[in-house]
Amino acid sequence: MFRGINSWFWVVALLGLGRRYLNFNNSLLQYASEAAYPFYILHQTIVVAIAFYVVHWNISITKKFLVISTASLVATIVLYDLLVKRNNIVRFLFGLKQIN
């Protein structure tokens, strides 16, 4: 019983610390907040497309992981920024507010 209560109080304490020290806003946070859902939708397709080719390479599994994760991160950010963020039709399809 003590372990359960102790765990609960640690969760409450960490939430309180997060509310106190992580309650801010900046341009990067606003950009990431708007990009979160389209990024989530786009990333799986990109990861699968890149991994389809990379898994056949004759390199270590660690290098394959680094190539796939880095390339998919860059490709997803570029696709979001060029395709989704600047096009009102695509923004509508992803459920984002229209830009003027």
N, C-alpha and C. Protein backbone atom coordinates (compact mmCIF):
# COMPACT_ATOMS: atom_id res chain seq x y z
N MET A 1 0.83 -1.18 0.00
CA MET A 1 0.00 0.00 0.00
C MET A 1 0.87 1.25 0.00
N PHE A 2 1.95 1.22 0.78
CA PHE A 2 2.85 2.37 0.84
C PHE A 2 3.48 2.65 -0.52
N ARG A 3 3.85 1.59 -1.26
CA ARG A 3 4.46 1.78 -2.58
C ARG A 3 3.47 2.45 -3.54
N GLY A 4 2.23 2.07 -3.49
CA GLY A 4 1.21 2.68 -4.34
C GLY A 4 1.01 4.15 -4.03
N ILE A 5 0.92 4.47 -2.73
CA ILE A 5 0.75 5.87 -2.32
C ILE A 5 1.99 6.68 -2.69
N ASN A 6 3.17 6.11 -2.46
CA ASN A 6 4.42 6.80 -2.81
C ASN A 6 4.49 7.08 -4.31
N SER A 7 4.12 6.10 -5.11
CA SER A 7 4.13 6.29 -6.56
C SER A 7 3.16 7.39 -6.98
N TRP A 8 1.98 7.39 -6.39
CA TRP A 8 0.98 8.40 -6.71
C TRP A 8 1.49 9.79 -6.36
N PHE A 9 2.11 9.96 -5.22
CA PHE A 9 2.63 11.27 -4.83
C PHE A 9 3.78 11.72 -5.73
N TRP A 10 4.61 10.78 -6.22
CA TRP A 10 5.66 11.15 -7.17
C TRP A 10 5.05 11.63 -8.47
N VAL A 11 4.00 10.99 -8.94
CA VAL A 11 3.32 11.43 -10.16
C VAL A 11 2.77 12.84 -9.97
N VAL A 12 2.11 13.08 -8.85
CA VAL A 12 1.55 14.40 -8.57
C VAL A 12 2.67 15.45 -8.47
N ALA A 13 3.77 15.10 -7.82
CA ALA A 13 4.89 16.04 -7.69
C ALA A 13 5.49 16.37 -9.05
N LEU A 14 5.68 15.37 -9.90
CA LEU A 14 6.24 15.64 -11.23
C LEU A 14 5.29 16.45 -12.09
N LEU A 15 4.00 16.21 -11.97
CA LEU A 15 3.02 17.03 -12.69
C LEU A 15 3.07 18.47 -12.21
N GLY A 16 3.20 18.67 -10.91
CA GLY A 16 3.32 20.02 -10.36
C GLY A 16 4.57 20.73 -10.85
N LEU A 17 5.70 20.02 -10.89
CA LEU A 17 6.93 20.61 -11.40
C LEU A 17 6.80 20.96 -12.88
N GLY A 18 6.18 20.09 -13.65
CA GLY A 18 5.97 20.37 -15.06
C GLY A 18 5.08 21.57 -15.27
N ARG A 19 4.04 21.69 -14.47
CA ARG A 19 3.14 22.84 -14.59
C ARG A 19 3.85 24.13 -14.21
N ARG A 20 4.75 24.05 -13.26
CA ARG A 20 5.46 25.25 -12.80
C ARG A 20 6.54 25.68 -13.78
N TYR A 21 7.35 24.74 -14.28
CA TYR A 21 8.52 25.09 -15.07
C TYR A 21 8.37 24.88 -16.57
N LEU A 22 7.36 24.19 -17.01
CA LEU A 22 7.18 23.94 -18.43
C LEU A 22 5.95 24.64 -19.01
N ASN A 23 5.47 25.65 -18.33
CA ASN A 23 4.30 26.39 -18.76
C ASN A 23 4.75 27.67 -19.48
N PHE A 24 5.15 27.54 -20.76
CA PHE A 24 5.58 28.67 -21.55
C PHE A 24 5.19 28.45 -23.00
N ASN A 25 5.39 29.45 -23.82
CA ASN A 25 5.03 29.37 -25.22
C ASN A 25 6.10 30.08 -26.04
N ASN A 26 6.46 29.53 -27.17
CA ASN A 26 7.37 30.19 -28.09
C ASN A 26 7.03 29.75 -29.52
N SER A 27 7.74 30.30 -30.50
CA SER A 27 7.39 30.03 -31.89
C SER A 27 7.62 28.57 -32.28
N LEU A 28 8.68 27.95 -31.78
CA LEU A 28 8.93 26.54 -32.07
C LEU A 28 7.82 25.65 -31.52
N LEU A 29 7.36 25.96 -30.32
CA LEU A 29 6.28 25.20 -29.70
C LEU A 29 4.97 25.36 -30.49
N GLN A 30 4.70 26.55 -30.97
CA GLN A 30 3.50 26.78 -31.78
C GLN A 30 3.58 26.02 -33.10
N TYR A 31 4.75 26.05 -33.75
CA TYR A 31 4.95 25.33 -35.01
C TYR A 31 4.76 23.83 -34.80
N ALA A 32 5.38 23.30 -33.75
CA ALA A 32 5.30 21.86 -33.47
C ALA A 32 3.88 21.45 -33.08
N SER A 33 3.18 22.32 -32.39
CA SER A 33 1.82 22.00 -31.98
C SER A 33 0.91 21.88 -33.20
N GLU A 34 1.06 22.77 -34.14
CA GLU A 34 0.24 22.72 -35.34
C GLU A 34 0.64 21.54 -36.23
N ALA A 35 1.93 21.18 -36.23
CA ALA A 35 2.43 20.13 -37.11
C ALA A 35 2.24 18.72 -36.55
N ALA A 36 1.84 18.59 -35.31
CA ALA A 36 1.83 17.28 -34.66
C ALA A 36 0.95 16.25 -35.39
N TYR A 37 -0.28 16.60 -35.69
CA TYR A 37 -1.18 15.62 -36.32
C TYR A 37 -0.76 15.28 -37.75
N PRO A 38 -0.48 16.28 -38.62
CA PRO A 38 0.01 15.92 -39.95
C PRO A 38 1.31 15.13 -39.91
N PHE A 39 2.20 15.45 -38.99
CA PHE A 39 3.45 14.72 -38.83
C PHE A 39 3.15 13.26 -38.48
N TYR A 40 2.22 13.06 -37.58
CA TYR A 40 1.82 11.71 -37.16
C TYR A 40 1.28 10.91 -38.35
N ILE A 41 0.47 11.55 -39.17
CA ILE A 41 -0.14 10.87 -40.32
C ILE A 41 0.91 10.57 -41.40
N LEU A 42 1.79 11.52 -41.68
CA LEU A 42 2.76 11.37 -42.76
C LEU A 42 3.91 10.42 -42.43
N HIS A 43 4.32 10.37 -41.17
CA HIS A 43 5.58 9.70 -40.85
C HIS A 43 5.57 8.20 -41.13
N GLN A 44 4.44 7.54 -40.95
CA GLN A 44 4.44 6.08 -41.14
C GLN A 44 4.71 5.72 -42.59
N THR A 45 4.06 6.40 -43.50
CA THR A 45 4.27 6.12 -44.91
C THR A 45 5.72 6.38 -45.32
N ILE A 46 6.27 7.45 -44.82
CA ILE A 46 7.65 7.81 -45.15
C ILE A 46 8.62 6.80 -44.56
N VAL A 47 8.41 6.40 -43.32
CA VAL A 47 9.29 5.41 -42.69
C VAL A 47 9.27 4.10 -43.48
N VAL A 48 8.10 3.65 -43.86
CA VAL A 48 7.98 2.39 -44.60
C VAL A 48 8.65 2.51 -45.97
N ALA A 49 8.46 3.63 -46.64
CA ALA A 49 9.05 3.81 -47.97
C ALA A 49 10.58 3.83 -47.90
N ILE A 50 11.12 4.53 -46.92
CA ILE A 50 12.58 4.59 -46.78
C ILE A 50 13.13 3.24 -46.32
N ALA A 51 12.48 2.62 -45.36
CA ALA A 51 12.96 1.34 -44.82
C ALA A 51 12.91 0.23 -45.87
N PHE A 52 11.97 0.30 -46.79
CA PHE A 52 11.86 -0.70 -47.85
C PHE A 52 13.18 -0.84 -48.60
N TYR A 53 13.87 0.27 -48.83
CA TYR A 53 15.14 0.24 -49.55
C TYR A 53 16.33 0.03 -48.62
N VAL A 54 16.29 0.62 -47.44
CA VAL A 54 17.45 0.60 -46.55
C VAL A 54 17.70 -0.79 -45.96
N VAL A 55 16.67 -1.57 -45.71
CA VAL A 55 16.86 -2.87 -45.08
C VAL A 55 17.68 -3.83 -45.94
N HIS A 56 17.77 -3.57 -47.22
CA HIS A 56 18.54 -4.44 -48.12
C HIS A 56 20.02 -4.05 -48.18
N TRP A 57 20.38 -2.94 -47.57
CA TRP A 57 21.77 -2.51 -47.57
C TRP A 57 22.61 -3.45 -46.70
N ASN A 58 23.85 -3.59 -47.04
CA ASN A 58 24.75 -4.47 -46.31
C ASN A 58 25.55 -3.65 -45.27
N ILE A 59 24.83 -3.12 -44.29
CA ILE A 59 25.44 -2.37 -43.19
C ILE A 59 24.85 -2.88 -41.88
N SER A 60 25.42 -2.42 -40.78
CA SER A 60 24.95 -2.90 -39.47
C SER A 60 23.54 -2.39 -39.18
N ILE A 61 22.88 -3.06 -38.26
CA ILE A 61 21.51 -2.69 -37.90
C ILE A 61 21.45 -1.30 -37.27
N THR A 62 22.50 -0.93 -36.55
CA THR A 62 22.55 0.40 -35.94
C THR A 62 22.60 1.48 -37.01
N LYS A 63 23.42 1.27 -38.02
CA LYS A 63 23.51 2.25 -39.11
C LYS A 63 22.21 2.31 -39.90
N LYS A 64 21.57 1.18 -40.09
CA LYS A 64 20.27 1.17 -40.78
C LYS A 64 19.25 1.98 -39.99
N PHE A 65 19.23 1.77 -38.67
CA PHE A 65 18.30 2.51 -37.82
C PHE A 65 18.56 4.01 -37.92
N LEU A 66 19.82 4.41 -37.85
CA LEU A 66 20.16 5.83 -37.92
C LEU A 66 19.78 6.44 -39.27
N VAL A 67 20.02 5.71 -40.35
CA VAL A 67 19.66 6.21 -41.67
C VAL A 67 18.14 6.34 -41.81
N ILE A 68 17.41 5.31 -41.40
CA ILE A 68 15.95 5.33 -41.52
C ILE A 68 15.35 6.43 -40.66
N SER A 69 15.77 6.52 -39.41
CA SER A 69 15.17 7.50 -38.52
C SER A 69 15.51 8.93 -38.92
N THR A 70 16.75 9.18 -39.31
CA THR A 70 17.15 10.53 -39.70
C THR A 70 16.49 10.94 -41.02
N ALA A 71 16.54 10.06 -42.00
CA ALA A 71 15.94 10.37 -43.30
C ALA A 71 14.43 10.56 -43.19
N SER A 72 13.77 9.74 -42.39
CA SER A 72 12.32 9.89 -42.26
C SER A 72 11.96 11.16 -41.50
N LEU A 73 12.74 11.54 -40.51
CA LEU A 73 12.48 12.80 -39.80
C LEU A 73 12.62 13.98 -40.74
N VAL A 74 13.71 14.02 -41.49
CA VAL A 74 13.94 15.13 -42.42
C VAL A 74 12.87 15.16 -43.50
N ALA A 75 12.56 14.02 -44.09
CA ALA A 75 11.56 13.96 -45.15
C ALA A 75 10.18 14.35 -44.66
N THR A 76 9.81 13.94 -43.46
CA THR A 76 8.50 14.29 -42.91
C THR A 76 8.41 15.79 -42.65
N ILE A 77 9.45 16.37 -42.09
CA ILE A 77 9.44 17.82 -41.84
C ILE A 77 9.36 18.59 -43.15
N VAL A 78 10.14 18.17 -44.14
CA VAL A 78 10.12 18.86 -45.44
C VAL A 78 8.76 18.73 -46.10
N LEU A 79 8.19 17.53 -46.11
CA LEU A 79 6.86 17.35 -46.71
C LEU A 79 5.80 18.17 -45.99
N TYR A 80 5.85 18.18 -44.67
CA TYR A 80 4.88 18.99 -43.94
C TYR A 80 5.04 20.46 -44.29
N ASP A 81 6.28 20.94 -44.26
CA ASP A 81 6.50 22.37 -44.46
C ASP A 81 6.16 22.80 -45.89
N LEU A 82 6.51 22.00 -46.88
CA LEU A 82 6.26 22.40 -48.27
C LEU A 82 4.87 22.04 -48.78
N LEU A 83 4.36 20.91 -48.36
CA LEU A 83 3.09 20.43 -48.91
C LEU A 83 1.89 20.81 -48.06
N VAL A 84 1.96 20.58 -46.77
CA VAL A 84 0.79 20.75 -45.91
C VAL A 84 0.66 22.18 -45.41
N LYS A 85 1.70 22.73 -44.88
CA LYS A 85 1.63 24.04 -44.21
C LYS A 85 1.23 25.17 -45.15
N ARG A 86 1.64 25.11 -46.39
CA ARG A 86 1.45 26.23 -47.31
C ARG A 86 0.25 26.08 -48.25
N ASN A 87 -0.48 25.00 -48.19
CA ASN A 87 -1.57 24.73 -49.12
C ASN A 87 -2.88 24.59 -48.34
N ASN A 88 -3.82 25.50 -48.58
CA ASN A 88 -5.08 25.50 -47.83
C ASN A 88 -5.92 24.26 -48.07
N ILE A 89 -5.89 23.70 -49.26
CA ILE A 89 -6.68 22.49 -49.54
C ILE A 89 -6.14 21.33 -48.72
N VAL A 90 -4.83 21.17 -48.71
CA VAL A 90 -4.22 20.08 -47.94
C VAL A 90 -4.38 20.34 -46.45
N ARG A 91 -4.29 21.60 -46.03
CA ARG A 91 -4.52 21.94 -44.62
C ARG A 91 -5.93 21.51 -44.20
N PHE A 92 -6.90 21.76 -45.05
CA PHE A 92 -8.27 21.36 -44.76
C PHE A 92 -8.37 19.83 -44.61
N LEU A 93 -7.70 19.10 -45.49
CA LEU A 93 -7.74 17.64 -45.44
C LEU A 93 -7.11 17.09 -44.16
N PHE A 94 -6.14 17.82 -43.61
CA PHE A 94 -5.50 17.39 -42.35
C PHE A 94 -6.21 18.00 -41.13
N GLY A 95 -7.27 18.77 -41.33
CA GLY A 95 -8.02 19.32 -40.22
C GLY A 95 -7.38 20.54 -39.57
N LEU A 96 -6.57 21.28 -40.34
CA LEU A 96 -5.91 22.48 -39.82
C LEU A 96 -6.70 23.71 -40.23
N LYS A 97 -6.52 24.79 -39.50
CA LYS A 97 -7.16 26.06 -39.84
C LYS A 97 -6.57 26.61 -41.13
N GLN A 98 -7.41 27.28 -41.89
CA GLN A 98 -6.98 27.89 -43.14
C GLN A 98 -6.08 29.10 -42.86
N ILE A 99 -5.11 29.33 -43.75
CA ILE A 99 -4.28 30.52 -43.62
C ILE A 99 -4.78 31.58 -44.58
N ASN A 100 -4.58 32.81 -44.22
CA ASN A 100 -5.07 33.92 -45.08
C ASN A 100 -4.00 34.40 -46.00
